[in-house]
């Protein structure tokens, strides 16, 4: 990846133009997902975002050898995870999950 915005994303809270009701969590089950051998640069500081449903949390999400660098002014690369406990192996360049 080269200067990609939001490189690794699962977002069950996505709401374009703030026209959604976020009171009801997503009812879509996400499981058995792997992100492996991803490297390069990110245009955004959050290089991994896993925002899963509070109603049906994500299961069996694997992050393996994720080496993404952010070199902008907003600090180092970071990851954000909610309602998921990812399985992390190998390199994970962004802290947070």
N, C-alpha and C. Protein backbone atom coordinates (compact mmCIF):
# COMPACT_ATOMS: atom_id res chain seq x y z
N UNK A 1 0.84 -1.17 0.00
CA UNK A 1 0.00 0.00 0.00
C UNK A 1 0.89 1.23 0.00
N UNK A 2 0.44 2.27 -0.67
CA UNK A 2 1.22 3.49 -0.74
C UNK A 2 0.32 4.69 -0.47
N UNK A 3 0.47 5.27 0.73
CA UNK A 3 -0.27 6.48 1.13
C UNK A 3 -1.79 6.28 1.05
N UNK A 4 -2.27 5.17 1.57
CA UNK A 4 -3.68 4.79 1.52
C UNK A 4 -4.43 5.37 2.73
N UNK A 5 -5.65 5.86 2.51
CA UNK A 5 -6.48 6.30 3.62
C UNK A 5 -7.24 5.10 4.17
N UNK A 6 -7.21 4.94 5.50
CA UNK A 6 -7.94 3.87 6.19
C UNK A 6 -7.60 2.49 5.63
N UNK A 7 -6.34 2.07 5.72
CA UNK A 7 -5.91 0.84 5.05
C UNK A 7 -6.59 -0.45 5.50
N UNK A 8 -6.78 -0.68 6.79
CA UNK A 8 -7.40 -1.92 7.27
C UNK A 8 -8.63 -1.51 8.07
N UNK A 9 -9.82 -1.80 7.54
CA UNK A 9 -11.04 -1.29 8.18
C UNK A 9 -12.17 -2.32 8.16
N UNK A 10 -12.79 -2.50 9.32
CA UNK A 10 -14.10 -3.12 9.46
C UNK A 10 -14.89 -2.09 10.25
N UNK A 11 -15.95 -1.55 9.69
CA UNK A 11 -16.69 -0.47 10.36
C UNK A 11 -18.19 -0.75 10.33
N UNK A 12 -18.68 -1.35 11.40
CA UNK A 12 -20.11 -1.61 11.51
C UNK A 12 -20.87 -0.43 12.11
N UNK A 13 -20.17 0.66 12.32
CA UNK A 13 -20.81 1.89 12.81
C UNK A 13 -20.83 2.95 11.72
N UNK A 14 -20.56 2.56 10.49
CA UNK A 14 -20.49 3.50 9.37
C UNK A 14 -21.83 4.19 9.19
N UNK A 15 -21.79 5.50 9.06
CA UNK A 15 -23.01 6.29 8.90
C UNK A 15 -22.70 7.50 8.03
N UNK A 16 -22.95 7.40 6.73
CA UNK A 16 -22.64 8.55 5.87
C UNK A 16 -23.57 9.72 6.13
N UNK A 17 -23.01 10.88 6.17
CA UNK A 17 -23.72 12.15 6.32
C UNK A 17 -24.56 12.24 7.59
N UNK A 18 -24.23 11.46 8.62
CA UNK A 18 -24.93 11.49 9.92
C UNK A 18 -26.44 11.34 9.78
N UNK A 19 -26.88 10.48 8.89
CA UNK A 19 -28.31 10.28 8.67
C UNK A 19 -28.77 8.90 9.12
N UNK A 20 -28.07 8.31 10.06
CA UNK A 20 -28.40 6.96 10.51
C UNK A 20 -28.77 6.98 11.99
N UNK A 21 -29.51 5.98 12.38
CA UNK A 21 -29.79 5.79 13.80
C UNK A 21 -28.75 4.81 14.34
N UNK A 22 -27.88 5.32 15.19
CA UNK A 22 -26.85 4.45 15.77
C UNK A 22 -27.32 3.80 17.07
N UNK A 23 -28.59 3.96 17.40
CA UNK A 23 -29.12 3.36 18.62
C UNK A 23 -29.19 1.84 18.51
N UNK A 24 -29.49 1.35 17.33
CA UNK A 24 -29.59 -0.09 17.13
C UNK A 24 -28.28 -0.61 16.52
N UNK A 25 -27.63 -1.55 17.19
CA UNK A 25 -26.37 -2.08 16.64
C UNK A 25 -26.62 -2.92 15.40
N UNK A 26 -25.59 -3.05 14.59
CA UNK A 26 -25.67 -3.89 13.40
C UNK A 26 -25.99 -5.33 13.79
N UNK A 27 -26.77 -6.00 12.96
CA UNK A 27 -27.12 -7.39 13.20
C UNK A 27 -26.37 -8.34 12.26
N UNK A 28 -25.35 -7.80 11.60
CA UNK A 28 -24.53 -8.60 10.70
C UNK A 28 -23.40 -9.24 11.50
N UNK A 29 -23.26 -10.55 11.37
CA UNK A 29 -22.20 -11.27 12.07
C UNK A 29 -20.95 -11.31 11.20
N UNK A 30 -19.84 -10.83 11.75
CA UNK A 30 -18.56 -10.88 11.05
C UNK A 30 -17.65 -11.83 11.80
N UNK A 31 -17.14 -12.85 11.09
CA UNK A 31 -16.24 -13.81 11.73
C UNK A 31 -15.33 -14.43 10.67
N UNK A 32 -14.25 -15.02 11.16
CA UNK A 32 -13.29 -15.71 10.29
C UNK A 32 -12.73 -14.78 9.20
N UNK A 33 -12.20 -13.63 9.64
CA UNK A 33 -11.62 -12.66 8.72
C UNK A 33 -10.13 -12.55 9.04
N UNK A 34 -9.30 -12.55 8.01
CA UNK A 34 -7.85 -12.42 8.20
C UNK A 34 -7.31 -11.26 7.38
N UNK A 35 -6.47 -10.46 8.02
CA UNK A 35 -5.68 -9.44 7.34
C UNK A 35 -4.23 -9.87 7.53
N UNK A 36 -3.55 -10.24 6.44
CA UNK A 36 -2.20 -10.79 6.55
C UNK A 36 -1.24 -10.11 5.57
N UNK A 37 0.00 -9.97 6.04
CA UNK A 37 1.09 -9.50 5.18
C UNK A 37 0.76 -8.18 4.48
N UNK A 38 0.36 -7.20 5.27
CA UNK A 38 0.04 -5.88 4.72
C UNK A 38 1.14 -4.92 5.13
N UNK A 39 1.72 -4.24 4.15
CA UNK A 39 2.80 -3.31 4.46
C UNK A 39 2.69 -2.09 3.56
N UNK A 40 3.29 -1.00 4.03
CA UNK A 40 3.30 0.21 3.24
C UNK A 40 3.08 1.44 4.11
N UNK A 41 2.49 2.47 3.49
CA UNK A 41 2.28 3.73 4.20
C UNK A 41 0.81 4.11 4.19
N UNK A 42 0.43 4.86 5.22
CA UNK A 42 -0.95 5.30 5.37
C UNK A 42 -1.02 6.82 5.35
N UNK A 43 -2.07 7.36 4.75
CA UNK A 43 -2.30 8.80 4.75
C UNK A 43 -3.01 9.24 6.02
N UNK A 44 -3.48 8.28 6.82
CA UNK A 44 -4.20 8.59 8.06
C UNK A 44 -3.50 7.90 9.23
N UNK A 45 -3.57 8.49 10.45
CA UNK A 45 -2.87 7.90 11.58
C UNK A 45 -3.47 6.57 12.05
N UNK A 46 -4.78 6.38 11.88
CA UNK A 46 -5.40 5.11 12.26
C UNK A 46 -5.24 4.15 11.08
N UNK A 47 -4.31 3.21 11.23
CA UNK A 47 -4.02 2.29 10.13
C UNK A 47 -4.84 1.00 10.21
N UNK A 48 -5.34 0.69 11.41
CA UNK A 48 -6.22 -0.46 11.60
C UNK A 48 -7.41 0.01 12.42
N UNK A 49 -8.62 -0.13 11.87
CA UNK A 49 -9.84 0.21 12.61
C UNK A 49 -10.79 -0.97 12.51
N UNK A 50 -11.06 -1.58 13.65
CA UNK A 50 -12.02 -2.67 13.72
C UNK A 50 -13.14 -2.21 14.65
N UNK A 51 -14.20 -1.67 14.10
CA UNK A 51 -15.34 -1.18 14.87
C UNK A 51 -16.50 -2.14 14.63
N UNK A 52 -16.61 -3.11 15.53
CA UNK A 52 -17.60 -4.16 15.36
C UNK A 52 -18.87 -3.85 16.14
N UNK A 53 -19.93 -4.55 15.82
CA UNK A 53 -21.23 -4.35 16.42
C UNK A 53 -21.22 -4.69 17.91
N UNK A 54 -21.87 -3.85 18.70
CA UNK A 54 -22.00 -4.17 20.13
C UNK A 54 -23.02 -5.29 20.33
N UNK A 55 -23.93 -5.46 19.38
CA UNK A 55 -24.94 -6.51 19.48
C UNK A 55 -24.40 -7.89 19.13
N UNK A 56 -23.56 -7.95 18.11
CA UNK A 56 -22.94 -9.20 17.68
C UNK A 56 -21.46 -8.91 17.42
N UNK A 57 -20.62 -8.98 18.45
CA UNK A 57 -19.20 -8.67 18.27
C UNK A 57 -18.54 -9.56 17.22
N UNK A 58 -17.50 -9.03 16.59
CA UNK A 58 -16.72 -9.80 15.62
C UNK A 58 -15.97 -10.92 16.34
N UNK A 59 -15.81 -12.05 15.66
CA UNK A 59 -15.08 -13.18 16.22
C UNK A 59 -14.09 -13.70 15.20
N UNK A 60 -13.01 -14.23 15.71
CA UNK A 60 -11.96 -14.84 14.88
C UNK A 60 -11.45 -13.87 13.81
N UNK A 61 -11.07 -12.68 14.24
CA UNK A 61 -10.45 -11.71 13.34
C UNK A 61 -8.95 -11.76 13.58
N UNK A 62 -8.19 -12.02 12.54
CA UNK A 62 -6.74 -12.18 12.66
C UNK A 62 -6.02 -11.02 12.00
N UNK A 63 -5.04 -10.48 12.73
CA UNK A 63 -4.13 -9.47 12.20
C UNK A 63 -2.74 -10.07 12.25
N UNK A 64 -2.16 -10.34 11.09
CA UNK A 64 -0.86 -11.00 11.03
C UNK A 64 0.09 -10.22 10.13
N UNK A 65 1.22 -9.85 10.70
CA UNK A 65 2.26 -9.14 9.94
C UNK A 65 1.71 -7.89 9.25
N UNK A 66 1.21 -6.97 10.08
CA UNK A 66 0.71 -5.68 9.61
C UNK A 66 1.79 -4.65 9.88
N UNK A 67 2.43 -4.18 8.84
CA UNK A 67 3.52 -3.21 8.97
C UNK A 67 3.18 -1.97 8.13
N UNK A 68 2.35 -1.10 8.72
CA UNK A 68 1.92 0.13 8.06
C UNK A 68 2.47 1.32 8.82
N UNK A 69 3.02 2.27 8.11
CA UNK A 69 3.66 3.43 8.71
C UNK A 69 2.88 4.69 8.36
N UNK A 70 2.68 5.54 9.36
CA UNK A 70 2.11 6.87 9.14
C UNK A 70 3.17 7.87 9.54
N UNK A 71 3.49 8.80 8.66
CA UNK A 71 4.56 9.75 8.97
C UNK A 71 4.05 11.19 8.97
N UNK A 72 2.77 11.38 9.17
CA UNK A 72 2.19 12.72 9.20
C UNK A 72 2.40 13.40 10.54
N UNK A 73 1.74 14.53 10.71
CA UNK A 73 1.93 15.37 11.90
C UNK A 73 1.08 14.95 13.09
N UNK A 74 0.24 13.93 12.95
CA UNK A 74 -0.67 13.54 14.04
C UNK A 74 -0.12 12.41 14.90
N UNK A 75 1.18 12.22 14.90
CA UNK A 75 1.79 11.21 15.75
C UNK A 75 2.00 9.90 15.03
N UNK A 76 2.36 8.85 15.78
CA UNK A 76 2.65 7.56 15.15
C UNK A 76 1.38 6.83 14.71
N UNK A 77 1.55 5.80 13.92
CA UNK A 77 0.44 4.97 13.48
C UNK A 77 -0.20 4.31 14.70
N UNK A 78 -1.53 4.15 14.65
CA UNK A 78 -2.24 3.52 15.76
C UNK A 78 -3.38 2.67 15.22
N UNK A 79 -3.90 1.84 16.09
CA UNK A 79 -5.05 1.01 15.74
C UNK A 79 -6.16 1.26 16.74
N UNK A 80 -7.40 1.04 16.29
CA UNK A 80 -8.57 1.19 17.15
C UNK A 80 -9.44 -0.05 17.00
N UNK A 81 -9.81 -0.63 18.13
CA UNK A 81 -10.65 -1.83 18.11
C UNK A 81 -11.78 -1.69 19.12
N UNK A 82 -12.99 -2.04 18.70
CA UNK A 82 -14.11 -2.09 19.63
C UNK A 82 -14.97 -3.31 19.32
N UNK A 83 -15.40 -3.97 20.36
CA UNK A 83 -16.23 -5.16 20.27
C UNK A 83 -15.59 -6.28 19.45
N UNK A 84 -14.28 -6.41 19.64
CA UNK A 84 -13.52 -7.47 18.98
C UNK A 84 -12.23 -7.69 19.77
N UNK A 85 -11.79 -8.92 19.82
CA UNK A 85 -10.49 -9.26 20.40
C UNK A 85 -9.69 -9.94 19.30
N UNK A 86 -8.97 -9.15 18.51
CA UNK A 86 -8.26 -9.75 17.37
C UNK A 86 -7.15 -10.69 17.80
N UNK A 87 -6.90 -11.66 16.97
CA UNK A 87 -5.77 -12.57 17.14
C UNK A 87 -4.60 -11.91 16.42
N UNK A 88 -3.58 -11.52 17.17
CA UNK A 88 -2.45 -10.80 16.60
C UNK A 88 -1.23 -11.71 16.56
N UNK A 89 -0.59 -11.79 15.40
CA UNK A 89 0.63 -12.58 15.28
C UNK A 89 1.61 -11.87 14.37
N UNK A 90 2.88 -12.16 14.58
CA UNK A 90 3.91 -11.53 13.76
C UNK A 90 4.05 -10.06 14.08
N UNK A 91 4.39 -9.28 13.09
CA UNK A 91 4.59 -7.83 13.25
C UNK A 91 3.24 -7.13 13.35
N UNK A 92 3.15 -6.20 14.29
CA UNK A 92 1.98 -5.32 14.39
C UNK A 92 2.52 -3.94 14.70
N UNK A 93 2.71 -3.12 13.66
CA UNK A 93 3.41 -1.84 13.81
C UNK A 93 2.60 -0.79 14.56
N UNK A 94 1.29 -0.93 14.62
CA UNK A 94 0.44 0.08 15.27
C UNK A 94 -0.13 -0.46 16.57
N UNK A 95 0.09 0.28 17.65
CA UNK A 95 -0.43 -0.16 18.95
C UNK A 95 -1.89 0.28 19.10
N UNK A 96 -2.59 -0.35 20.04
CA UNK A 96 -3.95 0.06 20.35
C UNK A 96 -4.95 -1.06 20.46
N UNK A 97 -4.82 -2.09 19.66
CA UNK A 97 -5.79 -3.20 19.73
C UNK A 97 -5.34 -4.24 20.75
